[in-house]
N, C-alpha and C. Protein backbone atom coordinates (compact mmCIF):
# COMPACT_ATOMS: atom_id res chain seq x y z
N UNK A 1 0.84 -1.17 0.00
CA UNK A 1 0.00 0.00 0.00
C UNK A 1 0.89 1.24 0.00
N UNK A 2 0.30 2.40 -0.16
CA UNK A 2 1.06 3.63 -0.13
C UNK A 2 1.46 4.10 -1.52
N UNK A 3 2.47 4.95 -1.56
CA UNK A 3 2.90 5.59 -2.79
C UNK A 3 4.04 4.83 -3.45
N UNK A 4 3.91 4.64 -4.78
CA UNK A 4 4.93 4.00 -5.60
C UNK A 4 5.18 4.86 -6.83
N UNK A 5 6.39 4.79 -7.36
CA UNK A 5 6.75 5.47 -8.60
C UNK A 5 6.94 4.45 -9.71
N UNK A 6 6.39 4.74 -10.87
CA UNK A 6 6.56 3.89 -12.05
C UNK A 6 7.90 4.25 -12.69
N UNK A 7 8.87 3.32 -12.67
CA UNK A 7 10.24 3.63 -13.09
C UNK A 7 10.63 3.05 -14.45
N UNK A 8 10.13 1.87 -14.77
CA UNK A 8 10.50 1.22 -16.03
C UNK A 8 9.38 0.25 -16.42
N UNK A 9 9.23 0.07 -17.74
CA UNK A 9 8.25 -0.88 -18.26
C UNK A 9 8.85 -1.60 -19.45
N UNK A 10 8.32 -2.78 -19.70
CA UNK A 10 8.59 -3.52 -20.93
C UNK A 10 7.23 -4.05 -21.38
N UNK A 11 7.03 -4.10 -22.70
CA UNK A 11 5.72 -4.54 -23.18
C UNK A 11 5.79 -5.08 -24.59
N UNK A 12 4.78 -5.86 -24.92
CA UNK A 12 4.59 -6.35 -26.28
C UNK A 12 3.54 -5.51 -27.01
N UNK A 13 3.01 -4.46 -26.37
CA UNK A 13 1.98 -3.61 -26.96
C UNK A 13 2.60 -2.69 -28.03
N UNK A 14 2.17 -2.83 -29.29
CA UNK A 14 2.75 -2.00 -30.35
C UNK A 14 2.59 -0.49 -30.10
N UNK A 15 1.43 -0.06 -29.59
CA UNK A 15 1.22 1.36 -29.32
C UNK A 15 2.20 1.86 -28.26
N UNK A 16 2.34 1.10 -27.16
CA UNK A 16 3.25 1.50 -26.09
C UNK A 16 4.68 1.55 -26.59
N UNK A 17 5.08 0.59 -27.42
CA UNK A 17 6.45 0.57 -27.93
C UNK A 17 6.78 1.83 -28.72
N UNK A 18 5.80 2.40 -29.44
CA UNK A 18 6.03 3.64 -30.19
C UNK A 18 6.18 4.84 -29.26
N UNK A 19 5.54 4.81 -28.09
CA UNK A 19 5.52 5.95 -27.17
C UNK A 19 6.55 5.87 -26.06
N UNK A 20 7.24 4.74 -25.92
CA UNK A 20 8.07 4.50 -24.74
C UNK A 20 9.18 5.52 -24.52
N UNK A 21 9.69 6.15 -25.56
CA UNK A 21 10.78 7.11 -25.42
C UNK A 21 10.37 8.39 -24.73
N UNK A 22 9.08 8.73 -24.74
CA UNK A 22 8.59 9.96 -24.13
C UNK A 22 7.98 9.74 -22.75
N UNK A 23 8.12 8.58 -22.21
CA UNK A 23 7.45 8.22 -20.98
C UNK A 23 8.13 8.85 -19.76
N UNK A 24 7.32 9.45 -18.89
CA UNK A 24 7.83 10.08 -17.66
C UNK A 24 7.45 9.22 -16.45
N UNK A 25 8.23 9.36 -15.38
CA UNK A 25 7.91 8.68 -14.12
C UNK A 25 6.54 9.17 -13.66
N UNK A 26 5.69 8.25 -13.28
CA UNK A 26 4.38 8.57 -12.73
C UNK A 26 4.28 8.03 -11.32
N UNK A 27 3.17 8.32 -10.66
CA UNK A 27 2.97 7.81 -9.31
C UNK A 27 1.73 6.94 -9.25
N UNK A 28 1.75 6.02 -8.32
CA UNK A 28 0.59 5.19 -8.01
C UNK A 28 0.35 5.29 -6.51
N UNK A 29 -0.88 5.53 -6.14
CA UNK A 29 -1.26 5.51 -4.73
C UNK A 29 -2.17 4.32 -4.54
N UNK A 30 -1.75 3.39 -3.69
CA UNK A 30 -2.53 2.18 -3.41
C UNK A 30 -3.15 2.31 -2.02
N UNK A 31 -4.45 2.05 -1.94
CA UNK A 31 -5.17 2.21 -0.68
C UNK A 31 -6.15 1.05 -0.54
N UNK A 32 -6.04 0.32 0.55
CA UNK A 32 -6.96 -0.80 0.79
C UNK A 32 -8.34 -0.24 1.11
N UNK A 33 -9.34 -0.79 0.47
CA UNK A 33 -10.71 -0.34 0.66
C UNK A 33 -11.35 -1.09 1.84
N UNK A 34 -12.54 -0.63 2.23
CA UNK A 34 -13.25 -1.29 3.33
C UNK A 34 -13.59 -2.72 2.97
N UNK A 35 -13.83 -2.97 1.68
CA UNK A 35 -14.02 -4.34 1.22
C UNK A 35 -12.66 -5.03 1.28
N UNK A 36 -12.59 -6.17 1.90
CA UNK A 36 -11.31 -6.87 2.07
C UNK A 36 -10.72 -7.34 0.74
N UNK A 37 -11.51 -7.30 -0.33
CA UNK A 37 -11.05 -7.83 -1.61
C UNK A 37 -10.74 -6.75 -2.65
N UNK A 38 -10.68 -5.48 -2.25
CA UNK A 38 -10.51 -4.40 -3.21
C UNK A 38 -9.40 -3.44 -2.79
N UNK A 39 -8.60 -3.03 -3.78
CA UNK A 39 -7.58 -2.00 -3.58
C UNK A 39 -7.89 -0.85 -4.54
N UNK A 40 -7.90 0.37 -4.01
CA UNK A 40 -8.09 1.56 -4.83
C UNK A 40 -6.71 1.99 -5.35
N UNK A 41 -6.61 2.25 -6.66
CA UNK A 41 -5.36 2.65 -7.28
C UNK A 41 -5.58 3.98 -8.01
N UNK A 42 -4.80 4.98 -7.65
CA UNK A 42 -4.84 6.29 -8.32
C UNK A 42 -3.51 6.50 -9.00
N UNK A 43 -3.55 6.65 -10.34
CA UNK A 43 -2.33 6.84 -11.13
C UNK A 43 -2.27 8.30 -11.59
N UNK A 44 -1.10 8.91 -11.46
CA UNK A 44 -0.88 10.27 -11.94
C UNK A 44 0.37 10.26 -12.81
N UNK A 45 0.26 10.79 -14.04
CA UNK A 45 1.42 10.82 -14.93
C UNK A 45 1.22 11.85 -16.02
N UNK A 46 2.34 12.29 -16.56
CA UNK A 46 2.31 13.21 -17.68
C UNK A 46 2.22 12.40 -18.96
N UNK A 47 1.22 12.72 -19.76
CA UNK A 47 1.03 12.02 -21.03
C UNK A 47 0.74 13.05 -22.10
N UNK A 48 1.58 13.05 -23.12
CA UNK A 48 1.45 13.99 -24.24
C UNK A 48 1.39 15.43 -23.75
N UNK A 49 2.23 15.75 -22.75
CA UNK A 49 2.37 17.11 -22.27
C UNK A 49 1.34 17.57 -21.25
N UNK A 50 0.42 16.70 -20.86
CA UNK A 50 -0.60 17.07 -19.88
C UNK A 50 -0.59 16.05 -18.76
N UNK A 51 -0.63 16.53 -17.52
CA UNK A 51 -0.66 15.65 -16.36
C UNK A 51 -2.08 15.11 -16.20
N UNK A 52 -2.20 13.80 -16.17
CA UNK A 52 -3.51 13.16 -16.08
C UNK A 52 -3.56 12.23 -14.88
N UNK A 53 -4.75 12.05 -14.36
CA UNK A 53 -4.95 11.16 -13.22
C UNK A 53 -6.10 10.21 -13.55
N UNK A 54 -5.93 8.96 -13.16
CA UNK A 54 -7.00 7.97 -13.35
C UNK A 54 -7.09 7.12 -12.11
N UNK A 55 -8.24 6.52 -11.93
CA UNK A 55 -8.46 5.66 -10.77
C UNK A 55 -9.02 4.32 -11.22
N UNK A 56 -8.60 3.29 -10.54
CA UNK A 56 -9.08 1.94 -10.79
C UNK A 56 -9.30 1.25 -9.46
N UNK A 57 -10.04 0.17 -9.52
CA UNK A 57 -10.16 -0.71 -8.37
C UNK A 57 -9.64 -2.07 -8.78
N UNK A 58 -8.66 -2.55 -8.05
CA UNK A 58 -8.09 -3.87 -8.30
C UNK A 58 -8.76 -4.86 -7.36
N UNK A 59 -9.18 -5.97 -7.93
CA UNK A 59 -9.78 -7.04 -7.14
C UNK A 59 -8.69 -8.02 -6.72
N UNK A 60 -8.59 -8.29 -5.44
CA UNK A 60 -7.63 -9.27 -4.95
C UNK A 60 -8.08 -10.67 -5.35
N UNK A 61 -7.15 -11.50 -5.72
CA UNK A 61 -7.44 -12.89 -6.07
C UNK A 61 -7.09 -13.77 -4.86
N UNK A 62 -7.33 -15.05 -5.00
CA UNK A 62 -7.04 -15.99 -3.91
C UNK A 62 -5.54 -16.07 -3.60
N UNK A 63 -4.72 -15.96 -4.65
CA UNK A 63 -3.27 -16.05 -4.48
C UNK A 63 -2.73 -14.70 -4.01
N UNK A 64 -1.99 -14.64 -2.92
CA UNK A 64 -1.42 -13.37 -2.46
C UNK A 64 -0.56 -12.72 -3.55
N UNK A 65 -0.71 -11.40 -3.72
CA UNK A 65 0.07 -10.67 -4.71
C UNK A 65 -0.51 -10.71 -6.11
N UNK A 66 -1.70 -11.28 -6.24
CA UNK A 66 -2.35 -11.38 -7.55
C UNK A 66 -3.63 -10.55 -7.55
N UNK A 67 -3.85 -9.78 -8.66
CA UNK A 67 -4.97 -8.87 -8.76
C UNK A 67 -5.61 -8.97 -10.14
N UNK A 68 -6.82 -8.44 -10.26
CA UNK A 68 -7.50 -8.38 -11.54
C UNK A 68 -8.26 -7.06 -11.61
N UNK A 69 -8.28 -6.45 -12.83
CA UNK A 69 -9.07 -5.25 -13.04
C UNK A 69 -9.43 -5.15 -14.52
N UNK A 70 -10.37 -4.24 -14.81
CA UNK A 70 -10.81 -4.01 -16.18
C UNK A 70 -10.16 -2.73 -16.68
N UNK A 71 -9.53 -2.77 -17.87
CA UNK A 71 -8.87 -1.61 -18.48
C UNK A 71 -9.72 -1.16 -19.66
N UNK A 72 -10.54 -0.13 -19.44
CA UNK A 72 -11.52 0.29 -20.45
C UNK A 72 -10.92 0.83 -21.75
N UNK A 73 -9.79 1.57 -21.75
CA UNK A 73 -9.28 2.08 -23.04
C UNK A 73 -8.99 0.98 -24.07
N UNK A 74 -8.64 -0.21 -23.59
CA UNK A 74 -8.36 -1.33 -24.50
C UNK A 74 -9.45 -2.39 -24.47
N UNK A 75 -10.52 -2.16 -23.68
CA UNK A 75 -11.56 -3.16 -23.50
C UNK A 75 -10.93 -4.51 -23.16
N UNK A 76 -10.18 -4.51 -22.05
CA UNK A 76 -9.42 -5.70 -21.68
C UNK A 76 -9.53 -5.99 -20.18
N UNK A 77 -9.57 -7.27 -19.85
CA UNK A 77 -9.42 -7.70 -18.47
C UNK A 77 -7.93 -7.89 -18.23
N UNK A 78 -7.47 -7.43 -17.07
CA UNK A 78 -6.04 -7.50 -16.76
C UNK A 78 -5.84 -8.40 -15.55
N UNK A 79 -4.98 -9.38 -15.74
CA UNK A 79 -4.55 -10.26 -14.66
C UNK A 79 -3.12 -9.83 -14.33
N UNK A 80 -2.89 -9.41 -13.10
CA UNK A 80 -1.55 -8.93 -12.74
C UNK A 80 -1.09 -9.61 -11.46
N UNK A 81 0.24 -9.73 -11.36
CA UNK A 81 0.79 -10.33 -10.16
C UNK A 81 2.17 -9.77 -9.86
N UNK A 82 2.44 -9.68 -8.57
CA UNK A 82 3.74 -9.21 -8.09
C UNK A 82 4.71 -10.37 -8.20
N UNK A 83 5.80 -10.16 -8.96
CA UNK A 83 6.81 -11.20 -9.17
C UNK A 83 7.86 -11.15 -8.06
N UNK A 84 8.24 -9.92 -7.67
CA UNK A 84 9.30 -9.75 -6.67
C UNK A 84 9.12 -8.40 -6.01
N UNK A 85 9.33 -8.32 -4.71
CA UNK A 85 9.27 -7.05 -3.99
C UNK A 85 10.00 -7.17 -2.67
N UNK A 86 10.47 -6.03 -2.18
CA UNK A 86 10.97 -5.97 -0.80
C UNK A 86 10.08 -5.04 0.02
N UNK A 87 8.97 -4.59 -0.53
CA UNK A 87 7.94 -3.75 0.08
C UNK A 87 8.39 -2.33 0.41
N UNK A 88 9.67 -2.13 0.74
CA UNK A 88 10.16 -0.81 1.12
C UNK A 88 10.94 -0.12 0.01
N UNK A 89 11.36 -0.86 -1.01
CA UNK A 89 12.21 -0.27 -2.05
C UNK A 89 11.65 -0.41 -3.45
N UNK A 90 11.27 -1.62 -3.84
CA UNK A 90 10.84 -1.85 -5.22
C UNK A 90 9.81 -2.96 -5.30
N UNK A 91 9.12 -3.01 -6.44
CA UNK A 91 8.20 -4.11 -6.75
C UNK A 91 8.23 -4.34 -8.25
N UNK A 92 8.26 -5.59 -8.64
CA UNK A 92 8.18 -5.99 -10.06
C UNK A 92 6.82 -6.63 -10.27
N UNK A 93 6.10 -6.15 -11.29
CA UNK A 93 4.74 -6.61 -11.55
C UNK A 93 4.62 -7.04 -13.01
N UNK A 94 3.96 -8.17 -13.24
CA UNK A 94 3.67 -8.66 -14.59
C UNK A 94 2.17 -8.53 -14.80
N UNK A 95 1.78 -8.01 -15.98
CA UNK A 95 0.37 -7.87 -16.34
C UNK A 95 0.10 -8.57 -17.66
N UNK A 96 -1.00 -9.31 -17.71
CA UNK A 96 -1.49 -9.91 -18.95
C UNK A 96 -2.83 -9.25 -19.26
N UNK A 97 -2.89 -8.51 -20.36
CA UNK A 97 -4.13 -7.85 -20.77
C UNK A 97 -4.81 -8.71 -21.82
N UNK A 98 -5.99 -9.21 -21.50
CA UNK A 98 -6.78 -10.06 -22.39
C UNK A 98 -7.85 -9.19 -23.03
N UNK A 99 -7.66 -8.85 -24.31
CA UNK A 99 -8.64 -8.01 -25.01
C UNK A 99 -9.93 -8.79 -25.24
N UNK A 100 -11.06 -8.12 -24.99
CA UNK A 100 -12.36 -8.74 -25.26
C UNK A 100 -12.51 -8.94 -26.76
N UNK A 101 -13.24 -9.95 -27.16
CA UNK A 101 -13.48 -10.27 -28.57
C UNK A 101 -12.19 -10.51 -29.34
N UNK A 102 -11.17 -11.02 -28.67
CA UNK A 102 -9.89 -11.28 -29.32
C UNK A 102 -9.13 -12.33 -28.51
N UNK A 103 -8.29 -13.07 -29.19
CA UNK A 103 -7.42 -14.01 -28.51
C UNK A 103 -6.11 -13.35 -28.10
N UNK A 104 -5.96 -12.08 -28.46
CA UNK A 104 -4.71 -11.37 -28.23
C UNK A 104 -4.50 -11.07 -26.74
N UNK A 105 -3.27 -11.34 -26.29
CA UNK A 105 -2.86 -11.02 -24.93
C UNK A 105 -1.65 -10.10 -25.03
N UNK A 106 -1.73 -8.96 -24.34
CA UNK A 106 -0.64 -8.00 -24.31
C UNK A 106 0.06 -8.12 -22.96
N UNK A 107 1.37 -8.16 -23.00
CA UNK A 107 2.17 -8.38 -21.81
C UNK A 107 2.87 -7.10 -21.39
N UNK A 108 2.87 -6.82 -20.10
CA UNK A 108 3.63 -5.72 -19.50
C UNK A 108 4.42 -6.26 -18.32
N UNK A 109 5.65 -5.77 -18.16
CA UNK A 109 6.42 -5.98 -16.94
C UNK A 109 6.76 -4.58 -16.45
N UNK A 110 6.47 -4.27 -15.19
CA UNK A 110 6.68 -2.94 -14.65
C UNK A 110 7.56 -2.99 -13.41
N UNK A 111 8.43 -1.98 -13.30
CA UNK A 111 9.27 -1.81 -12.12
C UNK A 111 8.79 -0.56 -11.39
N UNK A 112 8.40 -0.73 -10.13
CA UNK A 112 7.95 0.37 -9.28
C UNK A 112 8.93 0.53 -8.13
N UNK A 113 9.09 1.77 -7.68
CA UNK A 113 9.98 2.04 -6.56
C UNK A 113 9.30 2.99 -5.57
N UNK A 114 9.79 3.00 -4.36
CA UNK A 114 9.27 3.91 -3.34
C UNK A 114 9.83 5.33 -3.53
N UNK A 115 10.88 5.46 -4.33
CA UNK A 115 11.45 6.77 -4.66
C UNK A 115 11.53 6.85 -6.19
N UNK A 116 11.65 8.07 -6.75
CA UNK A 116 11.71 8.21 -8.20
C UNK A 116 13.08 7.90 -8.79
N UNK A 117 13.99 7.39 -7.97
CA UNK A 117 15.34 7.05 -8.44
C UNK A 117 15.39 5.56 -8.71
N UNK A 118 16.01 5.20 -9.82
CA UNK A 118 16.07 3.80 -10.24
C UNK A 118 17.30 3.10 -9.64
N UNK A 119 17.11 2.23 -8.65
CA UNK A 119 18.25 1.49 -8.08
C UNK A 119 18.78 0.47 -9.09
N UNK A 120 20.09 0.40 -9.27
CA UNK A 120 20.69 -0.48 -10.28
C UNK A 120 20.38 -1.96 -10.02
N UNK A 121 20.42 -2.38 -8.76
CA UNK A 121 20.14 -3.79 -8.45
C UNK A 121 18.71 -4.15 -8.85
N UNK A 122 17.76 -3.25 -8.64
CA UNK A 122 16.37 -3.49 -9.03
C UNK A 122 16.25 -3.55 -10.55
N UNK A 123 17.01 -2.72 -11.24
CA UNK A 123 16.99 -2.71 -12.71
C UNK A 123 17.51 -4.03 -13.27
N UNK A 124 18.53 -4.60 -12.64
CA UNK A 124 19.06 -5.89 -13.08
C UNK A 124 18.00 -6.98 -12.93
N UNK A 125 17.29 -6.96 -11.81
CA UNK A 125 16.22 -7.94 -11.59
C UNK A 125 15.10 -7.72 -12.61
N UNK A 126 14.75 -6.47 -12.89
CA UNK A 126 13.74 -6.13 -13.90
C UNK A 126 14.13 -6.71 -15.25
N UNK A 127 15.37 -6.49 -15.68
CA UNK A 127 15.81 -7.00 -16.99
C UNK A 127 15.74 -8.54 -17.04
N UNK A 128 16.07 -9.18 -15.94
CA UNK A 128 15.99 -10.65 -15.89
C UNK A 128 14.54 -11.12 -16.07
N UNK A 129 13.60 -10.47 -15.38
CA UNK A 129 12.19 -10.85 -15.49
C UNK A 129 11.67 -10.58 -16.90
N UNK A 130 12.09 -9.46 -17.51
CA UNK A 130 11.69 -9.16 -18.89
C UNK A 130 12.13 -10.28 -19.82
N UNK A 131 13.37 -10.72 -19.67
CA UNK A 131 13.90 -11.82 -20.49
C UNK A 131 13.13 -13.11 -20.24
N UNK A 132 12.83 -13.39 -18.98
CA UNK A 132 12.07 -14.59 -18.63
C UNK A 132 10.67 -14.57 -19.26
N UNK A 133 10.13 -13.39 -19.51
CA UNK A 133 8.80 -13.26 -20.12
C UNK A 133 8.88 -13.28 -21.65
N UNK A 134 10.09 -13.49 -22.20
CA UNK A 134 10.25 -13.64 -23.65
C UNK A 134 10.45 -12.34 -24.41
N UNK A 135 10.76 -11.26 -23.69
CA UNK A 135 10.99 -9.98 -24.34
C UNK A 135 12.49 -9.65 -24.35
N UNK A 136 12.84 -8.63 -25.14
CA UNK A 136 14.23 -8.22 -25.27
C UNK A 136 14.41 -6.77 -24.80
N UNK A 137 15.63 -6.29 -24.88
CA UNK A 137 15.96 -4.90 -24.51
C UNK A 137 15.13 -3.91 -25.33
N UNK A 138 14.77 -4.26 -26.56
CA UNK A 138 13.96 -3.38 -27.41
C UNK A 138 12.56 -3.15 -26.85
N UNK A 139 12.11 -4.01 -25.98
CA UNK A 139 10.77 -3.89 -25.38
C UNK A 139 10.76 -2.97 -24.15
N UNK A 140 11.95 -2.58 -23.67
CA UNK A 140 12.08 -1.85 -22.41
C UNK A 140 12.05 -0.34 -22.63
N UNK A 141 11.34 0.35 -21.76
CA UNK A 141 11.34 1.81 -21.71
C UNK A 141 11.61 2.25 -20.28
N UNK A 142 12.59 3.12 -20.12
CA UNK A 142 12.92 3.65 -18.80
C UNK A 142 12.23 5.02 -18.68
N UNK A 143 11.41 5.19 -17.67
CA UNK A 143 10.71 6.46 -17.50
C UNK A 143 11.71 7.54 -17.07
N UNK A 144 11.49 8.75 -17.59
CA UNK A 144 12.34 9.89 -17.26
C UNK A 144 11.78 10.59 -16.03
N UNK A 145 12.67 10.90 -15.09
CA UNK A 145 12.25 11.59 -13.88
C UNK A 145 12.16 13.09 -14.17
N UNK A 146 10.93 13.55 -14.40
CA UNK A 146 10.69 14.97 -14.70
C UNK A 146 10.01 15.66 -13.53
N UNK A 147 10.00 14.99 -12.37
CA UNK A 147 9.32 15.54 -11.21
C UNK A 147 7.85 15.16 -11.23
N UNK A 148 7.22 15.29 -10.08
CA UNK A 148 5.79 14.97 -9.98
C UNK A 148 4.96 16.08 -10.58
N UNK A 149 3.80 15.71 -11.07
CA UNK A 149 2.89 16.70 -11.64
C UNK A 149 1.54 16.61 -10.93
N UNK A 150 0.74 17.63 -11.12
CA UNK A 150 -0.62 17.66 -10.59
C UNK A 150 -1.58 17.60 -11.76
N UNK A 151 -2.71 16.89 -11.61
CA UNK A 151 -3.66 16.75 -12.71
C UNK A 151 -4.01 18.11 -13.33
N UNK A 152 -3.93 18.17 -14.65
CA UNK A 152 -4.24 19.38 -15.39
C UNK A 152 -3.02 20.22 -15.73
N UNK A 153 -1.88 19.98 -15.05
CA UNK A 153 -0.65 20.71 -15.38
C UNK A 153 -0.30 20.49 -16.84
N UNK A 154 0.16 21.53 -17.50
CA UNK A 154 0.67 21.42 -18.86
C UNK A 154 2.19 21.40 -18.74
N UNK A 155 2.80 20.39 -19.35
CA UNK A 155 4.24 20.23 -19.29
C UNK A 155 4.83 20.77 -20.58
N UNK A 156 5.68 21.77 -20.46
CA UNK A 156 6.32 22.36 -21.64
C UNK A 156 7.54 21.52 -21.97
N UNK A 157 7.64 21.02 -23.20
CA UNK A 157 8.78 20.19 -23.57
C UNK A 157 10.08 20.97 -23.49
N UNK A 158 11.16 20.24 -23.16
CA UNK A 158 12.48 20.86 -23.14
C UNK A 158 12.83 21.34 -24.53
N UNK A 159 13.39 22.54 -24.59
CA UNK A 159 13.83 23.09 -25.88
C UNK A 159 15.34 22.95 -25.97
N UNK A 160 15.86 22.63 -27.14
CA UNK A 160 17.30 22.56 -27.27
C UNK A 160 17.90 23.94 -27.11
N UNK A 161 19.14 23.97 -26.56
CA UNK A 161 19.83 25.24 -26.40
C UNK A 161 20.09 25.85 -27.77
N UNK A 162 19.82 27.15 -27.87
CA UNK A 162 20.11 27.85 -29.12
C UNK A 162 21.04 29.01 -28.80
N UNK A 163 21.98 29.29 -29.66
CA UNK A 163 22.88 30.40 -29.37
C UNK A 163 22.14 31.73 -29.41
N UNK A 164 22.60 32.64 -28.54
CA UNK A 164 22.01 33.99 -28.53
C UNK A 164 22.37 34.69 -29.82
N UNK A 165 21.44 35.46 -30.34
CA UNK A 165 21.73 36.23 -31.54
C UNK A 165 21.87 37.70 -31.16
N UNK A 166 22.81 38.41 -31.80
CA UNK A 166 22.99 39.83 -31.43
C UNK A 166 21.84 40.69 -31.88
């Protein structure tokens, strides 16, 4: 539970692979609900220059560390599970997105941390899990730490340095 930072992802999703270079560190707030089987998840991240926030409810499964939720933008049920964590520093999560009306399954592996800094030992474990899931370095995107944002903030892209003109 509590606050986590999204630090790195790997995926087989063609859309995500095109966008991975512009990805910024986002936050997740996990809060156990009064229902013993539900976790509230609030995600905040900069996407296409605007800070956006979304909320989901994850349903706990029988197996500890396993969750399920519905992802409406892709019309998909998501089965996710924690592969490795130390609870205080990092967590590695694998997600299988099963699109409705399709046999297609999209795979994500995510590295979350309690701070926005990427610990090297956690990154090594992340790369190992990505490989175990059948993906390569080309599937990996490292989120850029651009600081936290608030919903609705407009993020101005960095401009290259230009020489002063007289």
